[in-house]
């Protein structure tokens, strides 16, 4: 499945210019950045409540398809700008990580 398909089905907000053609193969949930670096896989979606610049660097290392900030958590402008500069898909959801992961599983991600 590609990111564009998920946007429409999950009511996600795009926070920057995104590459909606990225393939999505699963998700990783975590807020401890070292765990994300060690365990997130390429083309997964990363679900987190973090909204600071470090999520951009970690997402690049892990090569995830997108970062989705859950629970309508605040994302600072520096993070949005950095995501734009680095080509990281940065999205937002009002759902909790659990509910969003459950919806992703229902969609076969």
PDB file of N, CA and C in Angstrom:
ATOM      1  N   UNK A   1       0.853  -1.177   0.000  1.00  0.00           N
ATOM      2  CA  UNK A   1       0.000   0.000   0.000  1.00  0.00           C
ATOM      3  C   UNK A   1       0.899   1.241   0.000  1.00  0.00           C
ATOM      4  N   UNK A   2       0.426   2.311  -0.612  1.00  0.00           N
ATOM      5  CA  UNK A   2       1.198   3.552  -0.630  1.00  0.00           C
ATOM      6  C   UNK A   2       0.592   4.561   0.336  1.00  0.00           C
ATOM      7  N   UNK A   3       1.406   5.518   0.712  1.00  0.00           N
ATOM      8  CA  UNK A   3       1.024   6.510   1.712  1.00  0.00           C
ATOM      9  C   UNK A   3      -0.244   7.262   1.323  1.00  0.00           C
ATOM     10  N   UNK A   4      -0.394   7.580   0.058  1.00  0.00           N
ATOM     11  CA  UNK A   4      -1.572   8.323  -0.403  1.00  0.00           C
ATOM     12  C   UNK A   4      -2.865   7.591  -0.040  1.00  0.00           C
ATOM     13  N   UNK A   5      -2.873   6.268  -0.210  1.00  0.00           N
ATOM     14  CA  UNK A   5      -4.059   5.479   0.117  1.00  0.00           C
ATOM     15  C   UNK A   5      -4.411   5.594   1.599  1.00  0.00           C
ATOM     16  N   UNK A   6      -3.392   5.609   2.441  1.00  0.00           N
ATOM     17  CA  UNK A   6      -3.627   5.687   3.885  1.00  0.00           C
ATOM     18  C   UNK A   6      -4.148   7.053   4.303  1.00  0.00           C
ATOM     19  N   UNK A   7      -3.666   8.105   3.675  1.00  0.00           N
ATOM     20  CA  UNK A   7      -4.105   9.459   4.023  1.00  0.00           C
ATOM     21  C   UNK A   7      -5.615   9.585   3.923  1.00  0.00           C
ATOM     22  N   UNK A   8      -6.139   9.096   2.847  1.00  0.00           N
ATOM     23  CA  UNK A   8      -7.573   9.201   2.606  1.00  0.00           C
ATOM     24  C   UNK A   8      -8.382   8.356   3.586  1.00  0.00           C
ATOM     25  N   UNK A   9      -7.873   7.193   3.925  1.00  0.00           N
ATOM     26  CA  UNK A   9      -8.626   6.262   4.768  1.00  0.00           C
ATOM     27  C   UNK A   9      -8.501   6.554   6.264  1.00  0.00           C
ATOM     28  N   UNK A  10      -7.447   7.264   6.666  1.00  0.00           N
ATOM     29  CA  UNK A  10      -7.189   7.473   8.090  1.00  0.00           C
ATOM     30  C   UNK A  10      -7.355   8.919   8.543  1.00  0.00           C
ATOM     31  N   UNK A  11      -7.765   9.783   7.626  1.00  0.00           N
ATOM     32  CA  UNK A  11      -7.987  11.186   7.964  1.00  0.00           C
ATOM     33  C   UNK A  11      -6.753  11.826   8.598  1.00  0.00           C
ATOM     34  N   UNK A  12      -5.603  11.647   7.956  1.00  0.00           N
ATOM     35  CA  UNK A  12      -4.348  12.195   8.459  1.00  0.00           C
ATOM     36  C   UNK A  12      -4.136  13.606   7.932  1.00  0.00           C
ATOM     37  N   UNK A  13      -3.447  14.414   8.721  1.00  0.00           N
ATOM     38  CA  UNK A  13      -3.098  15.773   8.322  1.00  0.00           C
ATOM     39  C   UNK A  13      -1.654  15.784   7.847  1.00  0.00           C
ATOM     40  N   UNK A  14      -1.407  16.352   6.687  1.00  0.00           N
ATOM     41  CA  UNK A  14      -0.048  16.487   6.164  1.00  0.00           C
ATOM     42  C   UNK A  14       0.546  17.769   6.728  1.00  0.00           C
ATOM     43  N   UNK A  15       1.713  17.663   7.360  1.00  0.00           N
ATOM     44  CA  UNK A  15       2.351  18.830   7.964  1.00  0.00           C
ATOM     45  C   UNK A  15       3.390  19.474   7.056  1.00  0.00           C
ATOM     46  N   UNK A  16       3.806  18.782   6.012  1.00  0.00           N
ATOM     47  CA  UNK A  16       4.795  19.327   5.073  1.00  0.00           C
ATOM     48  C   UNK A  16       4.549  18.740   3.693  1.00  0.00           C
ATOM     49  N   UNK A  17       5.293  19.229   2.712  1.00  0.00           N
ATOM     50  CA  UNK A  17       5.212  18.649   1.371  1.00  0.00           C
ATOM     51  C   UNK A  17       5.682  17.207   1.466  1.00  0.00           C
ATOM     52  N   UNK A  18       4.805  16.290   1.131  1.00  0.00           N
ATOM     53  CA  UNK A  18       5.097  14.880   1.344  1.00  0.00           C
ATOM     54  C   UNK A  18       5.174  14.117   0.029  1.00  0.00           C
ATOM     55  N   UNK A  19       5.948  13.039   0.030  1.00  0.00           N
ATOM     56  CA  UNK A  19       6.026  12.115  -1.096  1.00  0.00           C
ATOM     57  C   UNK A  19       5.011  11.008  -0.838  1.00  0.00           C
ATOM     58  N   UNK A  20       3.824  11.220  -1.341  1.00  0.00           N
ATOM     59  CA  UNK A  20       2.730  10.299  -1.053  1.00  0.00           C
ATOM     60  C   UNK A  20       2.811   8.986  -1.820  1.00  0.00           C
ATOM     61  N   UNK A  21       3.836   8.843  -2.639  1.00  0.00           N
ATOM     62  CA  UNK A  21       4.002   7.590  -3.386  1.00  0.00           C
ATOM     63  C   UNK A  21       4.839   6.563  -2.623  1.00  0.00           C
ATOM     64  N   UNK A  22       5.320   6.921  -1.436  1.00  0.00           N
ATOM     65  CA  UNK A  22       6.145   5.988  -0.660  1.00  0.00           C
ATOM     66  C   UNK A  22       5.354   4.751  -0.276  1.00  0.00           C
ATOM     67  N   UNK A  23       5.991   3.611  -0.413  1.00  0.00           N
ATOM     68  CA  UNK A  23       5.409   2.319  -0.036  1.00  0.00           C
ATOM     69  C   UNK A  23       5.362   2.219   1.491  1.00  0.00           C
ATOM     70  N   UNK A  24       4.326   1.590   2.019  1.00  0.00           N
ATOM     71  CA  UNK A  24       4.173   1.396   3.460  1.00  0.00           C
ATOM     72  C   UNK A  24       4.044  -0.096   3.734  1.00  0.00           C
ATOM     73  N   UNK A  25       4.934  -0.601   4.599  1.00  0.00           N
ATOM     74  CA  UNK A  25       4.932  -2.018   4.970  1.00  0.00           C
ATOM     75  C   UNK A  25       5.015  -2.152   6.484  1.00  0.00           C
ATOM     76  N   UNK A  26       3.919  -1.901   7.165  1.00  0.00           N
ATOM     77  CA  UNK A  26       3.870  -2.055   8.605  1.00  0.00           C
ATOM     78  C   UNK A  26       4.076  -0.750   9.348  1.00  0.00           C
ATOM     79  N   UNK A  27       4.084  -0.853  10.658  1.00  0.00           N
ATOM     80  CA  UNK A  27       4.313   0.340  11.478  1.00  0.00           C
ATOM     81  C   UNK A  27       5.137  -0.021  12.704  1.00  0.00           C
ATOM     82  N   UNK A  28       5.752   0.998  13.250  1.00  0.00           N
ATOM     83  CA  UNK A  28       6.502   0.862  14.496  1.00  0.00           C
ATOM     84  C   UNK A  28       5.984   1.939  15.436  1.00  0.00           C
ATOM     85  N   UNK A  29       5.707   1.558  16.671  1.00  0.00           N
ATOM     86  CA  UNK A  29       5.222   2.506  17.672  1.00  0.00           C
ATOM     87  C   UNK A  29       6.297   2.661  18.723  1.00  0.00           C
ATOM     88  N   UNK A  30       6.699   3.901  18.965  1.00  0.00           N
ATOM     89  CA  UNK A  30       7.689   4.124  20.000  1.00  0.00           C
ATOM     90  C   UNK A  30       8.034   5.583  20.160  1.00  0.00           C
ATOM     91  N   UNK A  31       8.384   5.939  21.386  1.00  0.00           N
ATOM     92  CA  UNK A  31       8.770   7.306  21.701  1.00  0.00           C
ATOM     93  C   UNK A  31      10.215   7.395  22.180  1.00  0.00           C
ATOM     94  N   UNK A  32      10.809   6.256  22.478  1.00  0.00           N
ATOM     95  CA  UNK A  32      12.211   6.225  22.884  1.00  0.00           C
ATOM     96  C   UNK A  32      13.046   6.133  21.613  1.00  0.00           C
ATOM     97  N   UNK A  33      13.738   7.210  21.286  1.00  0.00           N
ATOM     98  CA  UNK A  33      14.397   7.327  19.991  1.00  0.00           C
ATOM     99  C   UNK A  33      15.408   6.219  19.732  1.00  0.00           C
ATOM    100  N   UNK A  34      16.132   5.798  20.743  1.00  0.00           N
ATOM    101  CA  UNK A  34      17.111   4.724  20.543  1.00  0.00           C
ATOM    102  C   UNK A  34      16.426   3.414  20.155  1.00  0.00           C
ATOM    103  N   UNK A  35      15.248   3.161  20.701  1.00  0.00           N
ATOM    104  CA  UNK A  35      14.494   1.957  20.304  1.00  0.00           C
ATOM    105  C   UNK A  35      14.029   2.042  18.865  1.00  0.00           C
ATOM    106  N   UNK A  36      13.598   3.224  18.463  1.00  0.00           N
ATOM    107  CA  UNK A  36      13.154   3.403  17.082  1.00  0.00           C
ATOM    108  C   UNK A  36      14.325   3.175  16.128  1.00  0.00           C
ATOM    109  N   UNK A  37      15.484   3.746  16.449  1.00  0.00           N
ATOM    110  CA  UNK A  37      16.670   3.560  15.597  1.00  0.00           C
ATOM    111  C   UNK A  37      17.046   2.087  15.486  1.00  0.00           C
ATOM    112  N   UNK A  38      16.886   1.343  16.572  1.00  0.00           N
ATOM    113  CA  UNK A  38      17.291  -0.065  16.588  1.00  0.00           C
ATOM    114  C   UNK A  38      16.248  -0.995  15.965  1.00  0.00           C
ATOM    115  N   UNK A  39      14.979  -0.604  15.984  1.00  0.00           N
ATOM    116  CA  UNK A  39      13.938  -1.570  15.638  1.00  0.00           C
ATOM    117  C   UNK A  39      13.015  -1.205  14.486  1.00  0.00           C
ATOM    118  N   UNK A  40      12.860   0.063  14.168  1.00  0.00           N
ATOM    119  CA  UNK A  40      11.992   0.440  13.054  1.00  0.00           C
ATOM    120  C   UNK A  40      12.629  -0.035  11.754  1.00  0.00           C
ATOM    121  N   UNK A  41      11.801  -0.442  10.838  1.00  0.00           N
ATOM    122  CA  UNK A  41      12.270  -0.987   9.563  1.00  0.00           C
ATOM    123  C   UNK A  41      11.955  -0.029   8.416  1.00  0.00           C
ATOM    124  N   UNK A  42      12.745  -0.164   7.365  1.00  0.00           N
ATOM    125  CA  UNK A  42      12.527   0.625   6.161  1.00  0.00           C
ATOM    126  C   UNK A  42      11.094   0.439   5.654  1.00  0.00           C
ATOM    127  N   UNK A  43      10.493   1.539   5.265  1.00  0.00           N
ATOM    128  CA  UNK A  43       9.133   1.609   4.710  1.00  0.00           C
ATOM    129  C   UNK A  43       8.015   1.379   5.724  1.00  0.00           C
ATOM    130  N   UNK A  44       8.342   1.303   7.000  1.00  0.00           N
ATOM    131  CA  UNK A  44       7.286   1.284   8.001  1.00  0.00           C
ATOM    132  C   UNK A  44       6.845   2.729   8.264  1.00  0.00           C
ATOM    133  N   UNK A  45       5.698   2.860   8.892  1.00  0.00           N
ATOM    134  CA  UNK A  45       5.262   4.151   9.406  1.00  0.00           C
ATOM    135  C   UNK A  45       5.623   4.162  10.885  1.00  0.00           C
ATOM    136  N   UNK A  46       6.164   5.273  11.337  1.00  0.00           N
ATOM    137  CA  UNK A  46       6.526   5.408  12.746  1.00  0.00           C
ATOM    138  C   UNK A  46       5.470   6.252  13.440  1.00  0.00           C
ATOM    139  N   UNK A  47       4.853   5.693  14.479  1.00  0.00           N
ATOM    140  CA  UNK A  47       3.855   6.391  15.278  1.00  0.00           C
ATOM    141  C   UNK A  47       4.498   6.849  16.578  1.00  0.00           C
ATOM    142  N   UNK A  48       4.363   8.140  16.898  1.00  0.00           N
ATOM    143  CA  UNK A  48       4.995   8.704  18.090  1.00  0.00           C
ATOM    144  C   UNK A  48       4.215   9.912  18.595  1.00  0.00           C
ATOM    145  N   UNK A  49       4.446  10.274  19.845  1.00  0.00           N
ATOM    146  CA  UNK A  49       3.900  11.526  20.364  1.00  0.00           C
ATOM    147  C   UNK A  49       4.945  12.636  20.331  1.00  0.00           C
ATOM    148  N   UNK A  50       6.167  12.276  19.950  1.00  0.00           N
ATOM    149  CA  UNK A  50       7.254  13.257  19.906  1.00  0.00           C
ATOM    150  C   UNK A  50       7.020  14.240  18.766  1.00  0.00           C
ATOM    151  N   UNK A  51       7.375  15.505  19.001  1.00  0.00           N
ATOM    152  CA  UNK A  51       7.193  16.510  17.963  1.00  0.00           C
ATOM    153  C   UNK A  51       8.397  17.412  17.786  1.00  0.00           C
ATOM    154  N   UNK A  52       9.543  16.985  18.287  1.00  0.00           N
ATOM    155  CA  UNK A  52      10.754  17.813  18.208  1.00  0.00           C
ATOM    156  C   UNK A  52      11.631  17.377  17.040  1.00  0.00           C
ATOM    157  N   UNK A  53      12.677  18.150  16.752  1.00  0.00           N
ATOM    158  CA  UNK A  53      13.516  17.927  15.572  1.00  0.00           C
ATOM    159  C   UNK A  53      14.205  16.566  15.525  1.00  0.00           C
ATOM    160  N   UNK A  54      14.469  15.970  16.650  1.00  0.00           N
ATOM    161  CA  UNK A  54      15.189  14.694  16.651  1.00  0.00           C
ATOM    162  C   UNK A  54      14.423  13.589  15.926  1.00  0.00           C
ATOM    163  N   UNK A  55      13.104  13.702  15.843  1.00  0.00           N
ATOM    164  CA  UNK A  55      12.340  12.673  15.136  1.00  0.00           C
ATOM    165  C   UNK A  55      12.675  12.662  13.645  1.00  0.00           C
ATOM    166  N   UNK A  56      13.079  13.803  13.123  1.00  0.00           N
ATOM    167  CA  UNK A  56      13.426  13.872  11.702  1.00  0.00           C
ATOM    168  C   UNK A  56      14.708  13.084  11.449  1.00  0.00           C
ATOM    169  N   UNK A  57      15.715  13.318  12.288  1.00  0.00           N
ATOM    170  CA  UNK A  57      16.987  12.598  12.138  1.00  0.00           C
ATOM    171  C   UNK A  57      16.787  11.098  12.298  1.00  0.00           C
ATOM    172  N   UNK A  58      16.015  10.698  13.285  1.00  0.00           N
ATOM    173  CA  UNK A  58      15.775   9.269  13.528  1.00  0.00           C
ATOM    174  C   UNK A  58      15.005   8.643  12.371  1.00  0.00           C
ATOM    175  N   UNK A  59      14.043   9.355  11.839  1.00  0.00           N
ATOM    176  CA  UNK A  59      13.272   8.802  10.719  1.00  0.00           C
ATOM    177  C   UNK A  59      14.151   8.594   9.490  1.00  0.00           C
ATOM    178  N   UNK A  60      15.127   9.472   9.290  1.00  0.00           N
ATOM    179  CA  UNK A  60      16.068   9.300   8.183  1.00  0.00           C
ATOM    180  C   UNK A  60      16.958   8.082   8.392  1.00  0.00           C
ATOM    181  N   UNK A  61      17.425   7.897   9.606  1.00  0.00           N
ATOM    182  CA  UNK A  61      18.258   6.727   9.910  1.00  0.00           C
ATOM    183  C   UNK A  61      17.491   5.425   9.715  1.00  0.00           C
ATOM    184  N   UNK A  62      16.257   5.417  10.153  1.00  0.00           N
ATOM    185  CA  UNK A  62      15.436   4.201  10.066  1.00  0.00           C
ATOM    186  C   UNK A  62      14.825   4.009   8.677  1.00  0.00           C
ATOM    187  N   UNK A  63      14.853   5.043   7.866  1.00  0.00           N
ATOM    188  CA  UNK A  63      14.295   5.004   6.511  1.00  0.00           C
ATOM    189  C   UNK A  63      12.806   4.642   6.496  1.00  0.00           C
ATOM    190  N   UNK A  64      12.062   5.199   7.462  1.00  0.00           N
ATOM    191  CA  UNK A  64      10.628   4.960   7.504  1.00  0.00           C
ATOM    192  C   UNK A  64       9.927   5.743   6.400  1.00  0.00           C
ATOM    193  N   UNK A  65       8.756   5.308   6.015  1.00  0.00           N
ATOM    194  CA  UNK A  65       7.986   5.986   4.975  1.00  0.00           C
ATOM    195  C   UNK A  65       7.418   7.311   5.447  1.00  0.00           C
ATOM    196  N   UNK A  66       7.051   7.347   6.721  1.00  0.00           N
ATOM    197  CA  UNK A  66       6.458   8.560   7.288  1.00  0.00           C
ATOM    198  C   UNK A  66       6.522   8.500   8.800  1.00  0.00           C
ATOM    199  N   UNK A  67       6.476   9.682   9.388  1.00  0.00           N
ATOM    200  CA  UNK A  67       6.313   9.816  10.833  1.00  0.00           C
ATOM    201  C   UNK A  67       4.915  10.369  11.043  1.00  0.00           C
ATOM    202  N   UNK A  68       4.138   9.689  11.878  1.00  0.00           N
ATOM    203  CA  UNK A  68       2.811  10.199  12.232  1.00  0.00           C
ATOM    204  C   UNK A  68       2.828  10.541  13.715  1.00  0.00           C
ATOM    205  N   UNK A  69       2.622  11.810  13.991  1.00  0.00           N
ATOM    206  CA  UNK A  69       2.538  12.283  15.368  1.00  0.00           C
ATOM    207  C   UNK A  69       1.087  12.094  15.802  1.00  0.00           C
ATOM    208  N   UNK A  70       0.893  11.299  16.834  1.00  0.00           N
ATOM    209  CA  UNK A  70      -0.445  10.899  17.264  1.00  0.00           C
ATOM    210  C   UNK A  70      -0.965  11.778  18.393  1.00  0.00           C
ATOM    211  N   UNK A  71      -2.237  11.582  18.715  1.00  0.00           N
ATOM    212  CA  UNK A  71      -2.922  12.271  19.810  1.00  0.00           C
ATOM    213  C   UNK A  71      -2.906  13.786  19.645  1.00  0.00           C
ATOM    214  N   UNK A  72      -2.855  14.241  18.403  1.00  0.00           N
ATOM    215  CA  UNK A  72      -2.797  15.680  18.127  1.00  0.00           C
ATOM    216  C   UNK A  72      -1.695  16.376  18.911  1.00  0.00           C
ATOM    217  N   UNK A  73      -0.615  15.669  19.170  1.00  0.00           N
ATOM    218  CA  UNK A  73       0.517  16.255  19.899  1.00  0.00           C
ATOM    219  C   UNK A  73       1.117  17.395  19.087  1.00  0.00           C
ATOM    220  N   UNK A  74       1.675  18.329  19.800  1.00  0.00           N
ATOM    221  CA  UNK A  74       2.264  19.513  19.176  1.00  0.00           C
ATOM    222  C   UNK A  74       3.531  19.145  18.409  1.00  0.00           C
ATOM    223  N   UNK A  75       3.680  19.705  17.233  1.00  0.00           N
ATOM    224  CA  UNK A  75       4.888  19.545  16.429  1.00  0.00           C
ATOM    225  C   UNK A  75       5.444  20.945  16.218  1.00  0.00           C
ATOM    226  N   UNK A  76       6.684  21.162  16.646  1.00  0.00           N
ATOM    227  CA  UNK A  76       7.225  22.516  16.532  1.00  0.00           C
ATOM    228  C   UNK A  76       7.568  22.858  15.082  1.00  0.00           C
ATOM    229  N   UNK A  77       7.573  24.144  14.795  1.00  0.00           N
ATOM    230  CA  UNK A  77       7.815  24.632  13.428  1.00  0.00           C
ATOM    231  C   UNK A  77       9.186  24.224  12.901  1.00  0.00           C
ATOM    232  N   UNK A  78      10.180  24.168  13.775  1.00  0.00           N
ATOM    233  CA  UNK A  78      11.518  23.745  13.348  1.00  0.00           C
ATOM    234  C   UNK A  78      11.492  22.319  12.822  1.00  0.00           C
ATOM    235  N   UNK A  79      10.704  21.470  13.449  1.00  0.00           N
ATOM    236  CA  UNK A  79      10.589  20.080  13.004  1.00  0.00           C
ATOM    237  C   UNK A  79       9.927  20.000  11.636  1.00  0.00           C
ATOM    238  N   UNK A  80       8.891  20.786  11.445  1.00  0.00           N
ATOM    239  CA  UNK A  80       8.191  20.796  10.160  1.00  0.00           C
ATOM    240  C   UNK A  80       9.127  21.297   9.059  1.00  0.00           C
ATOM    241  N   UNK A  81       9.853  22.357   9.348  1.00  0.00           N
ATOM    242  CA  UNK A  81      10.791  22.907   8.373  1.00  0.00           C
ATOM    243  C   UNK A  81      11.901  21.901   8.051  1.00  0.00           C
ATOM    244  N   UNK A  82      12.421  21.252   9.084  1.00  0.00           N
ATOM    245  CA  UNK A  82      13.488  20.261   8.898  1.00  0.00           C
ATOM    246  C   UNK A  82      12.988  19.067   8.068  1.00  0.00           C
ATOM    247  N   UNK A  83      11.766  18.624   8.353  1.00  0.00           N
ATOM    248  CA  UNK A  83      11.176  17.526   7.586  1.00  0.00           C
ATOM    249  C   UNK A  83      11.070  17.916   6.111  1.00  0.00           C
ATOM    250  N   UNK A  84      10.675  19.133   5.868  1.00  0.00           N
ATOM    251  CA  UNK A  84      10.571  19.637   4.499  1.00  0.00           C
ATOM    252  C   UNK A  84      11.931  19.611   3.809  1.00  0.00           C
ATOM    253  N   UNK A  85      12.947  20.105   4.509  1.00  0.00           N
ATOM    254  CA  UNK A  85      14.305  20.160   3.950  1.00  0.00           C
ATOM    255  C   UNK A  85      14.859  18.771   3.645  1.00  0.00           C
ATOM    256  N   UNK A  86      14.568  17.810   4.495  1.00  0.00           N
ATOM    257  CA  UNK A  86      15.142  16.470   4.379  1.00  0.00           C
ATOM    258  C   UNK A  86      14.258  15.483   3.620  1.00  0.00           C
ATOM    259  N   UNK A  87      13.071  15.910   3.232  1.00  0.00           N
ATOM    260  CA  UNK A  87      12.185  15.018   2.482  1.00  0.00           C
ATOM    261  C   UNK A  87      11.524  13.951   3.326  1.00  0.00           C
ATOM    262  N   UNK A  88      11.294  14.251   4.594  1.00  0.00           N
ATOM    263  CA  UNK A  88      10.630  13.314   5.505  1.00  0.00           C
ATOM    264  C   UNK A  88       9.130  13.592   5.497  1.00  0.00           C
ATOM    265  N   UNK A  89       8.337  12.569   5.312  1.00  0.00           N
ATOM    266  CA  UNK A  89       6.884  12.705   5.361  1.00  0.00           C
ATOM    267  C   UNK A  89       6.453  12.834   6.820  1.00  0.00           C
ATOM    268  N   UNK A  90       5.918  13.987   7.174  1.00  0.00           N
ATOM    269  CA  UNK A  90       5.506  14.265   8.548  1.00  0.00           C
ATOM    270  C   UNK A  90       4.003  14.497   8.564  1.00  0.00           C
ATOM    271  N   UNK A  91       3.313  13.632   9.289  1.00  0.00           N
ATOM    272  CA  UNK A  91       1.857  13.649   9.325  1.00  0.00           C
ATOM    273  C   UNK A  91       1.372  13.728  10.763  1.00  0.00           C
ATOM    274  N   UNK A  92       0.080  13.969  10.913  1.00  0.00           N
ATOM    275  CA  UNK A  92      -0.487  14.093  12.258  1.00  0.00           C
ATOM    276  C   UNK A  92      -1.845  13.399  12.292  1.00  0.00           C
ATOM    277  N   UNK A  93      -2.173  12.826  13.466  1.00  0.00           N
ATOM    278  CA  UNK A  93      -3.460  12.163  13.670  1.00  0.00           C
ATOM    279  C   UNK A  93      -4.002  12.518  15.041  1.00  0.00           C
ATOM    280  N   UNK A  94      -5.301  12.589  15.135  1.00  0.00           N
ATOM    281  CA  UNK A  94      -5.917  12.819  16.444  1.00  0.00           C
ATOM    282  C   UNK A  94      -6.057  11.515  17.235  1.00  0.00           C
ATOM    283  N   UNK A  95      -5.899  10.387  16.564  1.00  0.00           N
ATOM    284  CA  UNK A  95      -6.035   9.085  17.221  1.00  0.00           C
ATOM    285  C   UNK A  95      -4.837   8.769  18.117  1.00  0.00           C
ATOM    286  N   UNK A  96      -5.037   7.880  19.081  1.00  0.00           N
ATOM    287  CA  UNK A  96      -3.916   7.368  19.864  1.00  0.00           C
ATOM    288  C   UNK A  96      -3.108   6.417  18.991  1.00  0.00           C
ATOM    289  N   UNK A  97      -1.901   6.121  19.405  1.00  0.00           N
ATOM    290  CA  UNK A  97      -1.061   5.183  18.652  1.00  0.00           C
ATOM    291  C   UNK A  97      -1.756   3.823  18.555  1.00  0.00           C
ATOM    292  N   UNK A  98      -2.361   3.389  19.632  1.00  0.00           N
ATOM    293  CA  UNK A  98      -3.063   2.101  19.640  1.00  0.00           C
ATOM    294  C   UNK A  98      -4.184   2.073  18.599  1.00  0.00           C
ATOM    295  N   UNK A  99      -5.053   3.088  18.634  1.00  0.00           N
ATOM    296  CA  UNK A  99      -6.186   3.112  17.705  1.00  0.00           C
ATOM    297  C   UNK A  99      -5.722   3.235  16.258  1.00  0.00           C
ATOM    298  N   UNK A 100      -4.689   4.025  16.032  1.00  0.00           N
ATOM    299  CA  UNK A 100      -4.182   4.177  14.678  1.00  0.00           C
ATOM    300  C   UNK A 100      -3.536   2.875  14.188  1.00  0.00           C
ATOM    301  N   UNK A 101      -2.769   2.225  15.044  1.00  0.00           N
ATOM    302  CA  UNK A 101      -2.158   0.937  14.679  1.00  0.00           C
ATOM    303  C   UNK A 101      -3.238  -0.115  14.394  1.00  0.00           C
ATOM    304  N   UNK A 102      -4.280  -0.098  15.158  1.00  0.00           N
ATOM    305  CA  UNK A 102      -5.390  -1.018  14.940  1.00  0.00           C
ATOM    306  C   UNK A 102      -6.036  -0.775  13.575  1.00  0.00           C
ATOM    307  N   UNK A 103      -6.228   0.483  13.223  1.00  0.00           N
ATOM    308  CA  UNK A 103      -6.785   0.826  11.901  1.00  0.00           C
ATOM    309  C   UNK A 103      -5.846   0.408  10.778  1.00  0.00           C
ATOM    310  N   UNK A 104      -4.544   0.623  10.996  1.00  0.00           N
ATOM    311  CA  UNK A 104      -3.558   0.198   9.993  1.00  0.00           C
ATOM    312  C   UNK A 104      -3.608  -1.311   9.783  1.00  0.00           C
ATOM    313  N   UNK A 105      -3.718  -2.051  10.882  1.00  0.00           N
ATOM    314  CA  UNK A 105      -3.801  -3.514  10.780  1.00  0.00           C
ATOM    315  C   UNK A 105      -5.069  -3.940  10.031  1.00  0.00           C
ATOM    316  N   UNK A 106      -6.175  -3.262  10.276  1.00  0.00           N
ATOM    317  CA  UNK A 106      -7.408  -3.561   9.571  1.00  0.00           C
ATOM    318  C   UNK A 106      -7.269  -3.334   8.072  1.00  0.00           C
ATOM    319  N   UNK A 107      -6.415  -2.366   7.699  1.00  0.00           N
ATOM    320  CA  UNK A 107      -6.193  -2.061   6.289  1.00  0.00           C
ATOM    321  C   UNK A 107      -5.141  -2.979   5.665  1.00  0.00           C
ATOM    322  N   UNK A 108      -4.547  -3.854   6.473  1.00  0.00           N
ATOM    323  CA  UNK A 108      -3.571  -4.804   5.970  1.00  0.00           C
ATOM    324  C   UNK A 108      -2.159  -4.256   5.873  1.00  0.00           C
ATOM    325  N   UNK A 109      -1.889  -3.203   6.593  1.00  0.00           N
ATOM    326  CA  UNK A 109      -0.532  -2.621   6.585  1.00  0.00           C
ATOM    327  C   UNK A 109       0.350  -3.378   7.542  1.00  0.00           C
TER     328      UNK A 109
END
